[in-house]
Amino acid sequence: MGVEVGIGARAKRLRFRRKPRVEVDADVESDIDPELARETERIEGEAHAVRENLPDEVEPGVTYRDVRVGWLARLKGVRPRRAPDSGEER
């Protein structure tokens, strides 16, 4: 079981009037089928951003050209391991 969400944007020219304040908060809430929840040991996730022609810290008044930015998040439910012969959880 897994979910992947992504978003992207691009601009020919981009200029900031002031230095932006950026905050990312990834709060995961689970509202899944109770039977599926019993089969899932834990939820694993990752997220990352990609920038092209845009530094991590931008400067006010500077024009950045041919900018591309993207963000991708993945969540995956991990099922418990089972012993090969008995079908029991380890």
N, C-alpha and C. Protein backbone atom coordinates (compact mmCIF):
# COMPACT_ATOMS: atom_id res chain seq x y z
N MET A 1 0.85 -1.16 0.00
CA MET A 1 0.00 0.00 0.00
C MET A 1 0.90 1.23 0.00
N GLY A 2 0.64 2.17 -0.90
CA GLY A 2 1.46 3.37 -0.93
C GLY A 2 0.76 4.52 -1.63
N VAL A 3 1.23 5.71 -1.34
CA VAL A 3 0.69 6.93 -1.94
C VAL A 3 1.87 7.82 -2.31
N GLU A 4 1.78 8.43 -3.48
CA GLU A 4 2.81 9.37 -3.92
C GLU A 4 2.11 10.63 -4.40
N VAL A 5 2.58 11.79 -3.91
CA VAL A 5 2.00 13.08 -4.28
C VAL A 5 3.14 14.00 -4.71
N GLY A 6 2.94 14.68 -5.82
CA GLY A 6 3.97 15.59 -6.28
C GLY A 6 3.37 16.84 -6.89
N ILE A 7 4.17 17.89 -6.92
CA ILE A 7 3.75 19.15 -7.52
C ILE A 7 4.99 19.82 -8.11
N GLY A 8 4.77 20.56 -9.18
CA GLY A 8 5.89 21.25 -9.80
C GLY A 8 5.45 22.58 -10.39
N ALA A 9 6.41 23.47 -10.55
CA ALA A 9 6.14 24.78 -11.15
C ALA A 9 7.39 25.25 -11.89
N ARG A 10 7.18 26.12 -12.88
CA ARG A 10 8.33 26.68 -13.58
C ARG A 10 8.02 28.14 -13.92
N ALA A 11 9.09 28.90 -14.11
CA ALA A 11 8.94 30.32 -14.43
C ALA A 11 10.09 30.75 -15.34
N LYS A 12 9.78 31.61 -16.31
CA LYS A 12 10.83 32.16 -17.17
C LYS A 12 11.71 33.13 -16.37
N ARG A 13 11.04 33.94 -15.53
CA ARG A 13 11.75 34.90 -14.67
C ARG A 13 11.07 34.92 -13.31
N LEU A 14 11.88 35.03 -12.29
CA LEU A 14 11.35 35.06 -10.92
C LEU A 14 12.21 36.01 -10.09
N ARG A 15 11.56 36.94 -9.39
CA ARG A 15 12.27 37.91 -8.55
C ARG A 15 11.50 38.05 -7.24
N PHE A 16 12.23 38.08 -6.14
CA PHE A 16 11.63 38.23 -4.81
C PHE A 16 11.86 39.65 -4.31
N ARG A 17 10.82 40.29 -3.79
CA ARG A 17 10.96 41.63 -3.21
C ARG A 17 11.68 41.57 -1.86
N ARG A 18 11.39 40.51 -1.11
CA ARG A 18 12.06 40.29 0.17
C ARG A 18 12.33 38.80 0.31
N LYS A 19 13.18 38.48 1.25
CA LYS A 19 13.56 37.09 1.49
C LYS A 19 12.34 36.31 2.01
N PRO A 20 11.97 35.23 1.33
CA PRO A 20 10.77 34.49 1.78
C PRO A 20 11.03 33.68 3.04
N ARG A 21 9.98 33.52 3.84
CA ARG A 21 10.02 32.63 5.00
C ARG A 21 9.31 31.34 4.58
N VAL A 22 10.02 30.24 4.63
CA VAL A 22 9.47 28.97 4.17
C VAL A 22 9.40 28.01 5.34
N GLU A 23 8.24 27.37 5.49
CA GLU A 23 8.06 26.38 6.55
C GLU A 23 7.29 25.21 5.97
N VAL A 24 7.80 24.01 6.20
CA VAL A 24 7.13 22.80 5.73
C VAL A 24 6.77 21.96 6.94
N ASP A 25 5.50 21.59 7.03
CA ASP A 25 5.01 20.76 8.12
C ASP A 25 4.26 19.59 7.51
N ALA A 26 4.82 18.41 7.62
CA ALA A 26 4.18 17.22 7.07
C ALA A 26 3.57 16.42 8.21
N ASP A 27 2.30 16.63 8.45
CA ASP A 27 1.58 15.94 9.51
C ASP A 27 0.72 14.86 8.86
N VAL A 28 0.96 13.63 9.25
CA VAL A 28 0.26 12.50 8.63
C VAL A 28 -0.88 12.04 9.54
N GLU A 29 -2.05 11.99 8.98
CA GLU A 29 -3.20 11.43 9.70
C GLU A 29 -3.68 10.23 8.91
N SER A 30 -4.09 9.21 9.60
CA SER A 30 -4.50 7.98 8.94
C SER A 30 -5.97 7.68 9.24
N ASP A 31 -6.74 7.55 8.22
CA ASP A 31 -8.14 7.18 8.33
C ASP A 31 -8.36 6.02 7.37
N ILE A 32 -7.81 4.86 7.70
CA ILE A 32 -7.88 3.72 6.79
C ILE A 32 -8.79 2.64 7.34
N ASP A 33 -9.16 1.75 6.48
CA ASP A 33 -10.00 0.62 6.83
C ASP A 33 -9.40 -0.15 8.02
N PRO A 34 -10.17 -0.45 9.06
CA PRO A 34 -9.63 -1.12 10.25
C PRO A 34 -8.93 -2.45 9.93
N GLU A 35 -9.46 -3.20 8.97
CA GLU A 35 -8.83 -4.48 8.61
C GLU A 35 -7.45 -4.24 7.99
N LEU A 36 -7.35 -3.25 7.12
CA LEU A 36 -6.07 -2.90 6.51
C LEU A 36 -5.10 -2.39 7.57
N ALA A 37 -5.61 -1.63 8.54
CA ALA A 37 -4.76 -1.11 9.61
C ALA A 37 -4.16 -2.24 10.43
N ARG A 38 -4.89 -3.33 10.64
CA ARG A 38 -4.36 -4.47 11.38
C ARG A 38 -3.22 -5.13 10.62
N GLU A 39 -3.24 -5.07 9.29
CA GLU A 39 -2.20 -5.68 8.47
C GLU A 39 -0.96 -4.79 8.34
N THR A 40 -1.07 -3.54 8.74
CA THR A 40 0.03 -2.59 8.56
C THR A 40 0.76 -2.40 9.88
N GLU A 41 2.07 -2.65 9.86
CA GLU A 41 2.89 -2.49 11.06
C GLU A 41 3.20 -1.02 11.34
N ARG A 42 3.52 -0.28 10.27
CA ARG A 42 3.87 1.13 10.43
C ARG A 42 3.77 1.82 9.07
N ILE A 43 3.80 3.14 9.10
CA ILE A 43 3.79 3.95 7.88
C ILE A 43 5.18 4.57 7.74
N GLU A 44 5.79 4.41 6.57
CA GLU A 44 7.09 5.03 6.29
C GLU A 44 6.87 6.11 5.24
N GLY A 45 7.64 7.16 5.32
CA GLY A 45 7.48 8.23 4.36
C GLY A 45 8.74 9.01 4.11
N GLU A 46 8.74 9.71 3.00
CA GLU A 46 9.85 10.58 2.65
C GLU A 46 9.32 11.72 1.79
N ALA A 47 10.01 12.82 1.81
CA ALA A 47 9.65 13.96 0.98
C ALA A 47 10.93 14.69 0.59
N HIS A 48 10.93 15.22 -0.61
CA HIS A 48 12.09 16.02 -1.01
C HIS A 48 11.68 17.04 -2.08
N ALA A 49 12.48 18.10 -2.12
CA ALA A 49 12.25 19.18 -3.08
C ALA A 49 13.39 19.18 -4.10
N VAL A 50 13.06 19.64 -5.30
CA VAL A 50 14.05 19.75 -6.37
C VAL A 50 13.99 21.17 -6.90
N ARG A 51 15.14 21.78 -7.10
CA ARG A 51 15.21 23.15 -7.63
C ARG A 51 16.17 23.17 -8.80
N GLU A 52 15.82 23.92 -9.79
CA GLU A 52 16.70 24.13 -10.94
C GLU A 52 16.81 25.63 -11.17
N ASN A 53 18.02 26.14 -11.19
CA ASN A 53 18.30 27.57 -11.38
C ASN A 53 17.74 28.45 -10.26
N LEU A 54 17.62 27.88 -9.08
CA LEU A 54 17.14 28.63 -7.92
C LEU A 54 17.90 28.13 -6.69
N PRO A 55 18.69 29.00 -6.04
CA PRO A 55 19.47 28.55 -4.88
C PRO A 55 18.58 28.26 -3.67
N ASP A 56 19.11 27.56 -2.70
CA ASP A 56 18.37 27.27 -1.48
C ASP A 56 17.96 28.55 -0.76
N GLU A 57 18.85 29.54 -0.75
CA GLU A 57 18.54 30.84 -0.14
C GLU A 57 18.56 31.90 -1.24
N VAL A 58 17.39 32.41 -1.57
CA VAL A 58 17.28 33.42 -2.62
C VAL A 58 17.59 34.81 -2.07
N GLU A 59 17.99 35.69 -2.95
CA GLU A 59 18.32 37.07 -2.58
C GLU A 59 17.27 38.02 -3.13
N PRO A 60 16.79 38.94 -2.31
CA PRO A 60 15.83 39.94 -2.79
C PRO A 60 16.43 40.78 -3.93
N GLY A 61 15.60 41.08 -4.92
CA GLY A 61 16.02 41.93 -6.02
C GLY A 61 16.78 41.22 -7.14
N VAL A 62 17.16 39.98 -6.94
CA VAL A 62 17.87 39.22 -7.97
C VAL A 62 16.84 38.53 -8.87
N THR A 63 17.05 38.59 -10.18
CA THR A 63 16.16 37.91 -11.12
C THR A 63 16.74 36.53 -11.45
N TYR A 64 15.97 35.51 -11.17
CA TYR A 64 16.36 34.13 -11.48
C TYR A 64 15.62 33.74 -12.75
N ARG A 65 16.32 33.08 -13.67
CA ARG A 65 15.74 32.75 -14.98
C ARG A 65 15.63 31.24 -15.17
N ASP A 66 14.61 30.86 -15.97
CA ASP A 66 14.35 29.45 -16.29
C ASP A 66 14.33 28.59 -15.02
N VAL A 67 13.50 28.99 -14.09
CA VAL A 67 13.40 28.33 -12.79
C VAL A 67 12.41 27.17 -12.85
N ARG A 68 12.78 26.10 -12.22
CA ARG A 68 11.88 24.95 -12.03
C ARG A 68 12.00 24.49 -10.58
N VAL A 69 10.86 24.24 -9.97
CA VAL A 69 10.84 23.71 -8.61
C VAL A 69 9.83 22.57 -8.55
N GLY A 70 10.11 21.62 -7.70
CA GLY A 70 9.19 20.49 -7.54
C GLY A 70 9.28 19.94 -6.13
N TRP A 71 8.23 19.26 -5.72
CA TRP A 71 8.17 18.65 -4.40
C TRP A 71 7.47 17.30 -4.54
N LEU A 72 8.01 16.28 -3.90
CA LEU A 72 7.46 14.93 -3.99
C LEU A 72 7.42 14.31 -2.60
N ALA A 73 6.29 13.70 -2.26
CA ALA A 73 6.15 13.00 -0.98
C ALA A 73 5.65 11.59 -1.26
N ARG A 74 6.20 10.63 -0.53
CA ARG A 74 5.79 9.23 -0.65
C ARG A 74 5.48 8.68 0.74
N LEU A 75 4.38 7.95 0.85
CA LEU A 75 4.02 7.23 2.07
C LEU A 75 3.78 5.78 1.71
N LYS A 76 4.22 4.89 2.60
CA LYS A 76 4.06 3.47 2.33
C LYS A 76 3.73 2.74 3.62
N GLY A 77 2.70 1.89 3.57
CA GLY A 77 2.38 1.05 4.72
C GLY A 77 3.24 -0.19 4.67
N VAL A 78 3.89 -0.53 5.79
CA VAL A 78 4.77 -1.69 5.85
C VAL A 78 4.06 -2.80 6.59
N ARG A 79 3.98 -3.94 5.94
CA ARG A 79 3.35 -5.10 6.57
C ARG A 79 4.36 -5.83 7.45
N PRO A 80 3.91 -6.44 8.54
CA PRO A 80 4.83 -7.18 9.41
C PRO A 80 5.43 -8.37 8.67
N ARG A 81 6.67 -8.70 9.01
CA ARG A 81 7.29 -9.90 8.44
C ARG A 81 6.62 -11.13 9.03
N ARG A 82 6.54 -12.15 8.23
CA ARG A 82 5.98 -13.42 8.72
C ARG A 82 7.05 -14.50 8.59
N ALA A 83 7.06 -15.42 9.54
CA ALA A 83 8.00 -16.55 9.47
C ALA A 83 7.67 -17.37 8.22
N PRO A 84 8.68 -17.87 7.49
CA PRO A 84 8.45 -18.57 6.22
C PRO A 84 7.50 -19.75 6.30
N ASP A 85 7.60 -20.58 7.35
CA ASP A 85 6.80 -21.82 7.40
C ASP A 85 5.50 -21.67 8.19
N SER A 86 5.53 -20.93 9.27
CA SER A 86 4.39 -20.92 10.18
C SER A 86 3.35 -19.88 9.84
N GLY A 87 3.71 -18.86 9.07
CA GLY A 87 2.76 -17.78 8.79
C GLY A 87 2.61 -16.82 9.96
N GLU A 88 3.42 -17.01 11.02
CA GLU A 88 3.36 -16.15 12.19
C GLU A 88 4.27 -14.94 12.01
N GLU A 89 3.92 -13.87 12.72
CA GLU A 89 4.74 -12.66 12.69
C GLU A 89 6.04 -12.88 13.43
N ARG A 90 7.09 -12.21 12.98
CA ARG A 90 8.38 -12.27 13.70
C ARG A 90 8.50 -11.10 14.62
